[in-house]
Amino acid sequence: MPTSIITTEDLNKFKEELLKEIREIIQQHGKGISSKKWLKSTEVMKLLQISPGTLQNLRINGTLPFTKVGGIIYYDASDIQDVLDSNKIQNRLS
């Protein structure tokens, strides 16, 4: 069985590569709700994984505020985050 010797330089190089990949992943995930101020319906449905009918119900019952400009419906990203935060469920073990 061949033996490999790992040096400190090898470990530092691995660490730098790993940190670079982690930063890229964090940047990609950071492009979710907060990267855009206004989202279109298709973006909201994809983000929340809901159907067009569910999104329409959220508009109709006032759960999710929206703005309509020229026939296109826009949603404020902060409103979506507020809805998610206000519906957060915390389980408490007794």
PDB file of N, CA and C in Angstrom:
ATOM      1  N   MET A   1       0.849  -1.173   0.000  1.00  0.00           N
ATOM      2  CA  MET A   1       0.000   0.000   0.000  1.00  0.00           C
ATOM      3  C   MET A   1       0.896   1.238   0.000  1.00  0.00           C
ATOM      4  N   PRO A   2       0.769   2.106  -1.020  1.00  0.00           N
ATOM      5  CA  PRO A   2       1.631   3.287  -1.097  1.00  0.00           C
ATOM      6  C   PRO A   2       1.278   4.299  -0.015  1.00  0.00           C
ATOM      7  N   THR A   3       2.286   4.972   0.468  1.00  0.00           N
ATOM      8  CA  THR A   3       2.113   5.955   1.529  1.00  0.00           C
ATOM      9  C   THR A   3       2.245   7.362   0.956  1.00  0.00           C
ATOM     10  N   SER A   4       1.341   8.255   1.360  1.00  0.00           N
ATOM     11  CA  SER A   4       1.406   9.654   0.951  1.00  0.00           C
ATOM     12  C   SER A   4       1.685  10.509   2.166  1.00  0.00           C
ATOM     13  N   ILE A   5       2.550  11.455   1.993  1.00  0.00           N
ATOM     14  CA  ILE A   5       2.842  12.372   3.085  1.00  0.00           C
ATOM     15  C   ILE A   5       2.164  13.704   2.774  1.00  0.00           C
ATOM     16  N   ILE A   6       1.371  14.152   3.723  1.00  0.00           N
ATOM     17  CA  ILE A   6       0.659  15.421   3.574  1.00  0.00           C
ATOM     18  C   ILE A   6       1.427  16.472   4.360  1.00  0.00           C
ATOM     19  N   THR A   7       1.782  17.521   3.674  1.00  0.00           N
ATOM     20  CA  THR A   7       2.548  18.588   4.320  1.00  0.00           C
ATOM     21  C   THR A   7       1.613  19.701   4.794  1.00  0.00           C
ATOM     22  N   THR A   8       2.179  20.570   5.592  1.00  0.00           N
ATOM     23  CA  THR A   8       1.432  21.737   6.061  1.00  0.00           C
ATOM     24  C   THR A   8       1.010  22.597   4.878  1.00  0.00           C
ATOM     25  N   GLU A   9       1.860  22.690   3.888  1.00  0.00           N
ATOM     26  CA  GLU A   9       1.536  23.456   2.681  1.00  0.00           C
ATOM     27  C   GLU A   9       0.336  22.836   1.961  1.00  0.00           C
ATOM     28  N   ASP A  10       0.272  21.518   1.894  1.00  0.00           N
ATOM     29  CA  ASP A  10      -0.870  20.837   1.281  1.00  0.00           C
ATOM     30  C   ASP A  10      -2.163  21.162   2.039  1.00  0.00           C
ATOM     31  N   LEU A  11      -2.095  21.135   3.351  1.00  0.00           N
ATOM     32  CA  LEU A  11      -3.269  21.424   4.170  1.00  0.00           C
ATOM     33  C   LEU A  11      -3.716  22.879   4.000  1.00  0.00           C
ATOM     34  N   ASN A  12      -2.762  23.796   3.941  1.00  0.00           N
ATOM     35  CA  ASN A  12      -3.116  25.203   3.738  1.00  0.00           C
ATOM     36  C   ASN A  12      -3.763  25.416   2.374  1.00  0.00           C
ATOM     37  N   LYS A  13      -3.241  24.761   1.358  1.00  0.00           N
ATOM     38  CA  LYS A  13      -3.819  24.874   0.024  1.00  0.00           C
ATOM     39  C   LYS A  13      -5.245  24.320   0.016  1.00  0.00           C
ATOM     40  N   PHE A  14      -5.457  23.183   0.668  1.00  0.00           N
ATOM     41  CA  PHE A  14      -6.785  22.582   0.761  1.00  0.00           C
ATOM     42  C   PHE A  14      -7.739  23.517   1.498  1.00  0.00           C
ATOM     43  N   LYS A  15      -7.260  24.118   2.582  1.00  0.00           N
ATOM     44  CA  LYS A  15      -8.082  25.040   3.368  1.00  0.00           C
ATOM     45  C   LYS A  15      -8.518  26.234   2.515  1.00  0.00           C
ATOM     46  N   GLU A  16      -7.584  26.818   1.776  1.00  0.00           N
ATOM     47  CA  GLU A  16      -7.916  27.961   0.928  1.00  0.00           C
ATOM     48  C   GLU A  16      -8.933  27.593  -0.146  1.00  0.00           C
ATOM     49  N   GLU A  17      -8.784  26.437  -0.768  1.00  0.00           N
ATOM     50  CA  GLU A  17      -9.732  25.985  -1.783  1.00  0.00           C
ATOM     51  C   GLU A  17     -11.109  25.764  -1.169  1.00  0.00           C
ATOM     52  N   LEU A  18     -11.143  25.159   0.009  1.00  0.00           N
ATOM     53  CA  LEU A  18     -12.406  24.895   0.687  1.00  0.00           C
ATOM     54  C   LEU A  18     -13.104  26.197   1.070  1.00  0.00           C
ATOM     55  N   LEU A  19     -12.356  27.145   1.604  1.00  0.00           N
ATOM     56  CA  LEU A  19     -12.943  28.432   1.966  1.00  0.00           C
ATOM     57  C   LEU A  19     -13.476  29.164   0.740  1.00  0.00           C
ATOM     58  N   LYS A  20     -12.764  29.069  -0.361  1.00  0.00           N
ATOM     59  CA  LYS A  20     -13.209  29.704  -1.595  1.00  0.00           C
ATOM     60  C   LYS A  20     -14.543  29.109  -2.047  1.00  0.00           C
ATOM     61  N   GLU A  21     -14.666  27.792  -2.000  1.00  0.00           N
ATOM     62  CA  GLU A  21     -15.916  27.129  -2.387  1.00  0.00           C
ATOM     63  C   GLU A  21     -17.054  27.497  -1.448  1.00  0.00           C
ATOM     64  N   ILE A  22     -16.782  27.570  -0.162  1.00  0.00           N
ATOM     65  CA  ILE A  22     -17.808  27.930   0.816  1.00  0.00           C
ATOM     66  C   ILE A  22     -18.299  29.358   0.566  1.00  0.00           C
ATOM     67  N   ARG A  23     -17.372  30.278   0.288  1.00  0.00           N
ATOM     68  CA  ARG A  23     -17.762  31.664  -0.012  1.00  0.00           C
ATOM     69  C   ARG A  23     -18.654  31.732  -1.240  1.00  0.00           C
ATOM     70  N   GLU A  24     -18.323  30.957  -2.272  1.00  0.00           N
ATOM     71  CA  GLU A  24     -19.129  30.945  -3.492  1.00  0.00           C
ATOM     72  C   GLU A  24     -20.536  30.430  -3.216  1.00  0.00           C
ATOM     73  N   ILE A  25     -20.631  29.385  -2.402  1.00  0.00           N
ATOM     74  CA  ILE A  25     -21.942  28.827  -2.055  1.00  0.00           C
ATOM     75  C   ILE A  25     -22.759  29.841  -1.276  1.00  0.00           C
ATOM     76  N   ILE A  26     -22.125  30.524  -0.331  1.00  0.00           N
ATOM     77  CA  ILE A  26     -22.828  31.525   0.471  1.00  0.00           C
ATOM     78  C   ILE A  26     -23.308  32.666  -0.414  1.00  0.00           C
ATOM     79  N   GLN A  27     -22.491  33.095  -1.363  1.00  0.00           N
ATOM     80  CA  GLN A  27     -22.896  34.174  -2.272  1.00  0.00           C
ATOM     81  C   GLN A  27     -24.069  33.747  -3.127  1.00  0.00           C
ATOM     82  N   GLN A  28     -24.073  32.502  -3.599  1.00  0.00           N
ATOM     83  CA  GLN A  28     -25.177  32.014  -4.417  1.00  0.00           C
ATOM     84  C   GLN A  28     -26.463  31.973  -3.621  1.00  0.00           C
ATOM     85  N   HIS A  29     -26.390  31.517  -2.363  1.00  0.00           N
ATOM     86  CA  HIS A  29     -27.591  31.449  -1.533  1.00  0.00           C
ATOM     87  C   HIS A  29     -28.021  32.828  -1.082  1.00  0.00           C
ATOM     88  N   GLY A  30     -27.102  33.755  -1.031  1.00  0.00           N
ATOM     89  CA  GLY A  30     -27.428  35.119  -0.654  1.00  0.00           C
ATOM     90  C   GLY A  30     -28.237  35.838  -1.698  1.00  0.00           C
ATOM     91  N   LYS A  31     -28.338  35.266  -2.879  1.00  0.00           N
ATOM     92  CA  LYS A  31     -29.094  35.883  -3.955  1.00  0.00           C
ATOM     93  C   LYS A  31     -30.566  35.515  -3.888  1.00  0.00           C
ATOM     94  N   GLY A  32     -31.008  35.049  -2.736  1.00  0.00           N
ATOM     95  CA  GLY A  32     -32.406  34.680  -2.563  1.00  0.00           C
ATOM     96  C   GLY A  32     -33.288  35.877  -2.412  1.00  0.00           C
ATOM     97  N   ILE A  33     -33.953  36.002  -1.318  1.00  0.00           N
ATOM     98  CA  ILE A  33     -34.931  37.056  -1.097  1.00  0.00           C
ATOM     99  C   ILE A  33     -34.278  38.438  -1.065  1.00  0.00           C
ATOM    100  N   SER A  34     -33.179  38.573  -0.389  1.00  0.00           N
ATOM    101  CA  SER A  34     -32.666  39.908  -0.120  1.00  0.00           C
ATOM    102  C   SER A  34     -31.918  40.558  -1.275  1.00  0.00           C
ATOM    103  N   SER A  35     -31.553  39.831  -2.308  1.00  0.00           N
ATOM    104  CA  SER A  35     -30.744  40.435  -3.358  1.00  0.00           C
ATOM    105  C   SER A  35     -31.558  41.344  -4.278  1.00  0.00           C
ATOM    106  N   LYS A  36     -32.848  41.141  -4.382  1.00  0.00           N
ATOM    107  CA  LYS A  36     -33.689  41.974  -5.225  1.00  0.00           C
ATOM    108  C   LYS A  36     -34.759  42.621  -4.368  1.00  0.00           C
ATOM    109  N   LYS A  37     -35.079  43.850  -4.691  1.00  0.00           N
ATOM    110  CA  LYS A  37     -36.121  44.561  -3.940  1.00  0.00           C
ATOM    111  C   LYS A  37     -37.507  44.065  -4.343  1.00  0.00           C
ATOM    112  N   TRP A  38     -37.735  43.893  -5.646  1.00  0.00           N
ATOM    113  CA  TRP A  38     -39.048  43.488  -6.143  1.00  0.00           C
ATOM    114  C   TRP A  38     -38.937  42.174  -6.896  1.00  0.00           C
ATOM    115  N   LEU A  39     -39.870  41.268  -6.639  1.00  0.00           N
ATOM    116  CA  LEU A  39     -39.899  39.961  -7.296  1.00  0.00           C
ATOM    117  C   LEU A  39     -41.192  39.808  -8.085  1.00  0.00           C
ATOM    118  N   LYS A  40     -41.103  39.136  -9.225  1.00  0.00           N
ATOM    119  CA  LYS A  40     -42.292  38.834 -10.016  1.00  0.00           C
ATOM    120  C   LYS A  40     -42.942  37.568  -9.474  1.00  0.00           C
ATOM    121  N   SER A  41     -44.171  37.315  -9.908  1.00  0.00           N
ATOM    122  CA  SER A  41     -44.939  36.169  -9.416  1.00  0.00           C
ATOM    123  C   SER A  41     -44.190  34.853  -9.603  1.00  0.00           C
ATOM    124  N   THR A  42     -43.584  34.663 -10.778  1.00  0.00           N
ATOM    125  CA  THR A  42     -42.879  33.392 -11.029  1.00  0.00           C
ATOM    126  C   THR A  42     -41.723  33.191 -10.057  1.00  0.00           C
ATOM    127  N   GLU A  43     -41.044  34.286  -9.718  1.00  0.00           N
ATOM    128  CA  GLU A  43     -39.929  34.184  -8.771  1.00  0.00           C
ATOM    129  C   GLU A  43     -40.427  33.833  -7.378  1.00  0.00           C
ATOM    130  N   VAL A  44     -41.543  34.419  -6.984  1.00  0.00           N
ATOM    131  CA  VAL A  44     -42.115  34.147  -5.666  1.00  0.00           C
ATOM    132  C   VAL A  44     -42.593  32.700  -5.581  1.00  0.00           C
ATOM    133  N   MET A  45     -43.263  32.227  -6.646  1.00  0.00           N
ATOM    134  CA  MET A  45     -43.736  30.835  -6.648  1.00  0.00           C
ATOM    135  C   MET A  45     -42.572  29.863  -6.544  1.00  0.00           C
ATOM    136  N   LYS A  46     -41.500  30.161  -7.251  1.00  0.00           N
ATOM    137  CA  LYS A  46     -40.329  29.285  -7.204  1.00  0.00           C
ATOM    138  C   LYS A  46     -39.670  29.339  -5.823  1.00  0.00           C
ATOM    139  N   LEU A  47     -39.548  30.538  -5.286  1.00  0.00           N
ATOM    140  CA  LEU A  47     -38.914  30.735  -3.986  1.00  0.00           C
ATOM    141  C   LEU A  47     -39.669  30.015  -2.868  1.00  0.00           C
ATOM    142  N   LEU A  48     -40.999  30.174  -2.873  1.00  0.00           N
ATOM    143  CA  LEU A  48     -41.820  29.582  -1.817  1.00  0.00           C
ATOM    144  C   LEU A  48     -42.312  28.183  -2.146  1.00  0.00           C
ATOM    145  N   GLN A  49     -42.051  27.745  -3.386  1.00  0.00           N
ATOM    146  CA  GLN A  49     -42.497  26.431  -3.861  1.00  0.00           C
ATOM    147  C   GLN A  49     -44.008  26.282  -3.704  1.00  0.00           C
ATOM    148  N   ILE A  50     -44.706  27.265  -4.286  1.00  0.00           N
ATOM    149  CA  ILE A  50     -46.166  27.251  -4.237  1.00  0.00           C
ATOM    150  C   ILE A  50     -46.718  27.366  -5.653  1.00  0.00           C
ATOM    151  N   SER A  51     -47.984  27.027  -5.796  1.00  0.00           N
ATOM    152  CA  SER A  51     -48.645  27.076  -7.100  1.00  0.00           C
ATOM    153  C   SER A  51     -49.171  28.487  -7.371  1.00  0.00           C
ATOM    154  N   PRO A  52     -49.538  28.755  -8.638  1.00  0.00           N
ATOM    155  CA  PRO A  52     -50.136  30.060  -8.953  1.00  0.00           C
ATOM    156  C   PRO A  52     -51.407  30.322  -8.147  1.00  0.00           C
ATOM    157  N   GLY A  53     -52.211  29.292  -7.930  1.00  0.00           N
ATOM    158  CA  GLY A  53     -53.442  29.445  -7.156  1.00  0.00           C
ATOM    159  C   GLY A  53     -53.171  29.814  -5.709  1.00  0.00           C
ATOM    160  N   THR A  54     -52.159  29.204  -5.125  1.00  0.00           N
ATOM    161  CA  THR A  54     -51.808  29.533  -3.738  1.00  0.00           C
ATOM    162  C   THR A  54     -51.322  30.973  -3.645  1.00  0.00           C
ATOM    163  N   LEU A  55     -50.518  31.389  -4.614  1.00  0.00           N
ATOM    164  CA  LEU A  55     -50.039  32.769  -4.610  1.00  0.00           C
ATOM    165  C   LEU A  55     -51.209  33.741  -4.760  1.00  0.00           C
ATOM    166  N   GLN A  56     -52.151  33.398  -5.599  1.00  0.00           N
ATOM    167  CA  GLN A  56     -53.335  34.240  -5.771  1.00  0.00           C
ATOM    168  C   GLN A  56     -54.118  34.323  -4.465  1.00  0.00           C
ATOM    169  N   ASN A  57     -54.276  33.201  -3.772  1.00  0.00           N
ATOM    170  CA  ASN A  57     -54.976  33.207  -2.479  1.00  0.00           C
ATOM    171  C   ASN A  57     -54.260  34.090  -1.465  1.00  0.00           C
ATOM    172  N   LEU A  58     -52.921  34.067  -1.460  1.00  0.00           N
ATOM    173  CA  LEU A  58     -52.161  34.910  -0.534  1.00  0.00           C
ATOM    174  C   LEU A  58     -52.382  36.389  -0.836  1.00  0.00           C
ATOM    175  N   ARG A  59     -52.557  36.709  -2.121  1.00  0.00           N
ATOM    176  CA  ARG A  59     -52.863  38.094  -2.502  1.00  0.00           C
ATOM    177  C   ARG A  59     -54.275  38.467  -2.073  1.00  0.00           C
ATOM    178  N   ILE A  60     -55.235  37.603  -2.406  1.00  0.00           N
ATOM    179  CA  ILE A  60     -56.651  37.897  -2.150  1.00  0.00           C
ATOM    180  C   ILE A  60     -56.942  38.062  -0.662  1.00  0.00           C
ATOM    181  N   ASN A  61     -56.380  37.168   0.164  1.00  0.00           N
ATOM    182  CA  ASN A  61     -56.693  37.254   1.598  1.00  0.00           C
ATOM    183  C   ASN A  61     -55.809  38.256   2.348  1.00  0.00           C
ATOM    184  N   GLY A  62     -54.947  38.966   1.600  1.00  0.00           N
ATOM    185  CA  GLY A  62     -54.150  40.025   2.216  1.00  0.00           C
ATOM    186  C   GLY A  62     -52.903  39.563   2.940  1.00  0.00           C
ATOM    187  N   THR A  63     -52.587  38.293   2.834  1.00  0.00           N
ATOM    188  CA  THR A  63     -51.398  37.777   3.502  1.00  0.00           C
ATOM    189  C   THR A  63     -50.129  38.357   2.894  1.00  0.00           C
ATOM    190  N   LEU A  64     -50.120  38.476   1.569  1.00  0.00           N
ATOM    191  CA  LEU A  64     -48.923  38.941   0.877  1.00  0.00           C
ATOM    192  C   LEU A  64     -49.244  40.196   0.061  1.00  0.00           C
ATOM    193  N   PRO A  65     -48.766  41.364   0.510  1.00  0.00           N
ATOM    194  CA  PRO A  65     -49.005  42.607  -0.237  1.00  0.00           C
ATOM    195  C   PRO A  65     -48.329  42.553  -1.607  1.00  0.00           C
ATOM    196  N   PHE A  66     -48.860  43.291  -2.560  1.00  0.00           N
ATOM    197  CA  PHE A  66     -48.297  43.300  -3.909  1.00  0.00           C
ATOM    198  C   PHE A  66     -48.530  44.645  -4.558  1.00  0.00           C
ATOM    199  N   THR A  67     -47.839  44.852  -5.669  1.00  0.00           N
ATOM    200  CA  THR A  67     -48.003  46.050  -6.479  1.00  0.00           C
ATOM    201  C   THR A  67     -48.195  45.600  -7.911  1.00  0.00           C
ATOM    202  N   LYS A  68     -49.116  46.235  -8.612  1.00  0.00           N
ATOM    203  CA  LYS A  68     -49.366  45.879 -10.005  1.00  0.00           C
ATOM    204  C   LYS A  68     -49.026  47.065 -10.886  1.00  0.00           C
ATOM    205  N   VAL A  69     -48.131  46.830 -11.844  1.00  0.00           N
ATOM    206  CA  VAL A  69     -47.718  47.869 -12.767  1.00  0.00           C
ATOM    207  C   VAL A  69     -47.806  47.303 -14.182  1.00  0.00           C
ATOM    208  N   GLY A  70     -48.663  47.903 -14.992  1.00  0.00           N
ATOM    209  CA  GLY A  70     -48.781  47.471 -16.378  1.00  0.00           C
ATOM    210  C   GLY A  70     -49.142  46.006 -16.540  1.00  0.00           C
ATOM    211  N   GLY A  71     -49.952  45.495 -15.658  1.00  0.00           N
ATOM    212  CA  GLY A  71     -50.379  44.107 -15.753  1.00  0.00           C
ATOM    213  C   GLY A  71     -49.413  43.100 -15.129  1.00  0.00           C
ATOM    214  N   ILE A  72     -48.281  43.564 -14.637  1.00  0.00           N
ATOM    215  CA  ILE A  72     -47.309  42.674 -13.990  1.00  0.00           C
ATOM    216  C   ILE A  72     -47.385  42.897 -12.488  1.00  0.00           C
ATOM    217  N   ILE A  73     -47.477  41.800 -11.746  1.00  0.00           N
ATOM    218  CA  ILE A  73     -47.577  41.872 -10.292  1.00  0.00           C
ATOM    219  C   ILE A  73     -46.186  41.718  -9.695  1.00  0.00           C
ATOM    220  N   TYR A  74     -45.849  42.628  -8.788  1.00  0.00           N
ATOM    221  CA  TYR A  74     -44.557  42.610  -8.109  1.00  0.00           C
ATOM    222  C   TYR A  74     -44.776  42.466  -6.600  1.00  0.00           C
ATOM    223  N   TYR A  75     -43.833  41.803  -5.955  1.00  0.00           N
ATOM    224  CA  TYR A  75     -43.879  41.597  -4.509  1.00  0.00           C
ATOM    225  C   TYR A  75     -42.588  42.133  -3.906  1.00  0.00           C
ATOM    226  N   ASP A  76     -42.722  42.868  -2.828  1.00  0.00           N
ATOM    227  CA  ASP A  76     -41.564  43.396  -2.125  1.00  0.00           C
ATOM    228  C   ASP A  76     -40.898  42.236  -1.370  1.00  0.00           C
ATOM    229  N   ALA A  77     -39.604  42.075  -1.578  1.00  0.00           N
ATOM    230  CA  ALA A  77     -38.872  40.966  -0.950  1.00  0.00           C
ATOM    231  C   ALA A  77     -38.963  41.027   0.577  1.00  0.00           C
ATOM    232  N   SER A  78     -38.966  42.237   1.127  1.00  0.00           N
ATOM    233  CA  SER A  78     -39.049  42.351   2.594  1.00  0.00           C
ATOM    234  C   SER A  78     -40.423  41.910   3.105  1.00  0.00           C
ATOM    235  N   ASP A  79     -41.483  42.114   2.303  1.00  0.00           N
ATOM    236  CA  ASP A  79     -42.814  41.641   2.698  1.00  0.00           C
ATOM    237  C   ASP A  79     -42.852  40.114   2.740  1.00  0.00           C
ATOM    238  N   ILE A  80     -42.197  39.494   1.788  1.00  0.00           N
ATOM    239  CA  ILE A  80     -42.150  38.026   1.778  1.00  0.00           C
ATOM    240  C   ILE A  80     -41.415  37.523   3.007  1.00  0.00           C
ATOM    241  N   GLN A  81     -40.287  38.169   3.330  1.00  0.00           N
ATOM    242  CA  GLN A  81     -39.536  37.767   4.518  1.00  0.00           C
ATOM    243  C   GLN A  81     -40.370  37.982   5.772  1.00  0.00           C
ATOM    244  N   ASP A  82     -41.128  39.073   5.839  1.00  0.00           N
ATOM    245  CA  ASP A  82     -41.995  39.341   6.994  1.00  0.00           C
ATOM    246  C   ASP A  82     -43.062  38.261   7.156  1.00  0.00           C
ATOM    247  N   VAL A  83     -43.661  37.830   6.043  1.00  0.00           N
ATOM    248  CA  VAL A  83     -44.676  36.778   6.099  1.00  0.00           C
ATOM    249  C   VAL A  83     -44.053  35.484   6.611  1.00  0.00           C
ATOM    250  N   LEU A  84     -42.874  35.163   6.108  1.00  0.00           N
ATOM    251  CA  LEU A  84     -42.202  33.948   6.576  1.00  0.00           C
ATOM    252  C   LEU A  84     -41.882  34.041   8.062  1.00  0.00           C
ATOM    253  N   ASP A  85     -41.364  35.189   8.490  1.00  0.00           N
ATOM    254  CA  ASP A  85     -41.015  35.354   9.902  1.00  0.00           C
ATOM    255  C   ASP A  85     -42.239  35.302  10.803  1.00  0.00           C
ATOM    256  N   SER A  86     -43.343  35.912  10.370  1.00  0.00           N
ATOM    257  CA  SER A  86     -44.535  35.952  11.214  1.00  0.00           C
ATOM    258  C   SER A  86     -45.223  34.594  11.317  1.00  0.00           C
ATOM    259  N   ASN A  87     -44.936  33.703  10.390  1.00  0.00           N
ATOM    260  CA  ASN A  87     -45.548  32.371  10.425  1.00  0.00           C
ATOM    261  C   ASN A  87     -44.584  31.297  10.930  1.00  0.00           C
ATOM    262  N   LYS A  88     -43.486  31.750  11.501  1.00  0.00           N
ATOM    263  CA  LYS A  88     -42.496  30.804  12.014  1.00  0.00           C
ATOM    264  C   LYS A  88     -43.075  30.047  13.205  1.00  0.00           C
ATOM    265  N   ILE A  89     -42.874  28.763  13.215  1.00  0.00           N
ATOM    266  CA  ILE A  89     -43.373  27.912  14.290  1.00  0.00           C
ATOM    267  C   ILE A  89     -42.181  27.391  15.086  1.00  0.00           C
ATOM    268  N   GLN A  90     -42.247  27.598  16.392  1.00  0.00           N
ATOM    269  CA  GLN A  90     -41.173  27.116  17.258  1.00  0.00           C
ATOM    270  C   GLN A  90     -41.725  26.017  18.128  1.00  0.00           C
ATOM    271  N   ASN A  91     -41.122  24.856  18.040  1.00  0.00           N
ATOM    272  CA  ASN A  91     -41.524  23.739  18.890  1.00  0.00           C
ATOM    273  C   ASN A  91     -40.788  23.834  20.215  1.00  0.00           C
ATOM    274  N   ARG A  92     -41.541  23.692  21.257  1.00  0.00           N
ATOM    275  CA  ARG A  92     -40.939  23.691  22.596  1.00  0.00           C
ATOM    276  C   ARG A  92     -41.196  22.338  23.229  1.00  0.00           C
ATOM    277  N   LEU A  93     -40.120  21.724  23.648  1.00  0.00           N
ATOM    278  CA  LEU A  93     -40.243  20.431  24.316  1.00  0.00           C
ATOM    279  C   LEU A  93     -40.517  20.656  25.796  1.00  0.00           C
ATOM    280  N   SER A  94     -41.492  19.948  26.325  1.00  0.00           N
ATOM    281  CA  SER A  94     -41.836  20.126  27.739  1.00  0.00           C
ATOM    282  C   SER A  94     -41.034  19.190  28.603  1.00  0.00           C
TER     283      SER A  94
END
